[in-house]
């Protein structure tokens, strides 16, 4: 996986080098285009070709989650024949600030 723009481990500050033990732990990364709520009866009526409207507008930032925790926002991009996400904002929390 291309992690374009990430520094080489040798270029990281000493405080980050102490984290080397966790570098190989896999995490789940999800990019969420939007959300909606519907009744079960509506869900059961969905079929091929059905369109589900989401709460986001075209061009609005999408949410990026790591292990179900919101960490960033970004924009959808095309990378060859796949979708990708360009991170535009890192979400600061009390533990990361």
Protein backbone atom coordinates (compact mmCIF):
# COMPACT_ATOMS: atom_id res chain seq x y z
CA UNK A 1 0.00 0.00 0.00
CA UNK A 2 1.39 3.39 -0.99
CA UNK A 3 1.43 5.68 2.03
CA UNK A 4 2.50 8.65 -0.13
CA UNK A 5 4.01 11.49 1.83
CA UNK A 6 4.68 9.60 5.07
CA UNK A 7 8.20 9.98 6.48
CA UNK A 8 10.63 7.09 6.60
CA UNK A 9 10.97 5.54 10.08
CA UNK A 10 14.58 6.79 10.21
CA UNK A 11 13.36 10.38 9.75
CA UNK A 12 10.95 10.31 12.70
CA UNK A 13 11.66 12.13 15.97
CA UNK A 14 12.96 9.99 18.85
CA UNK A 15 9.54 10.07 20.62
CA UNK A 16 8.00 8.35 17.59
CA UNK A 17 10.79 5.77 17.39
CA UNK A 18 9.69 4.53 20.81
CA UNK A 19 6.46 3.44 19.10
CA UNK A 20 8.18 0.99 16.74
CA UNK A 21 6.69 -1.95 18.66
CA UNK A 22 3.20 -1.03 17.43
CA UNK A 23 4.04 -0.28 13.78
CA UNK A 24 2.95 -3.72 12.54
CA UNK A 25 -0.39 -3.81 14.36
CA UNK A 26 -3.20 -3.68 11.77
CA UNK A 27 -5.94 -1.07 12.13
CA UNK A 28 -9.21 -0.71 10.25
CA UNK A 29 -9.47 2.51 8.22
CA UNK A 30 -12.90 3.55 6.91
CA UNK A 31 -13.91 6.51 4.76
CA UNK A 32 -17.59 7.36 5.25
CA UNK A 33 -19.33 9.24 2.44
CA UNK A 34 -22.41 9.91 4.53
CA UNK A 35 -25.14 8.39 6.65
CA UNK A 36 -28.90 8.08 6.71
CA UNK A 37 -31.63 6.52 8.82
CA UNK A 38 -34.54 4.52 7.48
CA UNK A 39 -37.26 2.24 8.75
CA UNK A 40 -36.91 -1.51 8.36
CA UNK A 41 -39.92 -1.47 6.01
CA UNK A 42 -38.05 0.97 3.71
CA UNK A 43 -34.89 -1.15 3.91
CA UNK A 44 -36.80 -4.28 2.88
CA UNK A 45 -38.18 -2.49 -0.21
CA UNK A 46 -34.70 -1.69 -1.53
CA UNK A 47 -33.59 -3.56 -4.59
CA UNK A 48 -31.09 -3.35 -7.40
CA UNK A 49 -30.88 0.21 -8.70
CA UNK A 50 -32.34 1.75 -5.53
CA UNK A 51 -30.75 5.03 -4.51
CA UNK A 52 -30.13 5.79 -0.85
CA UNK A 53 -29.76 9.51 -0.17
CA UNK A 54 -27.04 10.40 2.31
CA UNK A 55 -26.71 13.39 4.63
CA UNK A 56 -23.72 14.91 2.78
CA UNK A 57 -23.70 17.31 -0.14
CA UNK A 58 -21.54 16.84 -3.23
CA UNK A 59 -18.05 18.18 -2.52
CA UNK A 60 -18.50 18.12 1.26
CA UNK A 61 -15.67 16.50 3.24
CA UNK A 62 -16.03 12.85 4.19
CA UNK A 63 -15.15 11.34 7.56
CA UNK A 64 -12.11 9.10 8.02
CA UNK A 65 -12.24 6.64 10.91
CA UNK A 66 -9.49 4.47 12.37
CA UNK A 67 -10.89 1.59 14.41
CA UNK A 68 -14.29 3.35 14.52
CA UNK A 69 -12.76 6.58 15.88
CA UNK A 70 -13.05 9.79 13.84
CA UNK A 71 -9.50 10.96 13.10
CA UNK A 72 -9.71 13.10 9.96
CA UNK A 73 -11.79 14.53 7.14
CA UNK A 74 -10.95 14.40 3.49
CA UNK A 75 -11.94 14.53 -0.16
CA UNK A 76 -12.63 11.60 -2.46
CA UNK A 77 -10.06 11.20 -5.26
CA UNK A 78 -9.51 8.67 -8.02
CA UNK A 79 -6.24 6.71 -7.95
CA UNK A 80 -5.93 4.78 -11.22
CA UNK A 81 -9.05 2.57 -11.16
CA UNK A 82 -9.80 2.91 -7.44
CA UNK A 83 -11.15 5.47 -5.02
CA UNK A 84 -8.87 7.16 -2.51
CA UNK A 85 -9.10 9.92 0.07
CA UNK A 86 -6.95 13.02 0.37
CA UNK A 87 -6.86 14.04 4.03
CA UNK A 88 -7.71 17.72 4.41
CA UNK A 89 -8.19 18.01 8.17
CA UNK A 90 -6.84 16.08 11.16
CA UNK A 91 -9.32 15.89 14.03
CA UNK A 92 -7.66 16.86 17.31
CA UNK A 93 -8.86 15.15 20.47
CA UNK A 94 -7.76 15.59 24.04
CA UNK A 95 -5.47 12.57 23.70
CA UNK A 96 -3.87 13.80 20.44
CA UNK A 97 -3.75 17.54 21.15
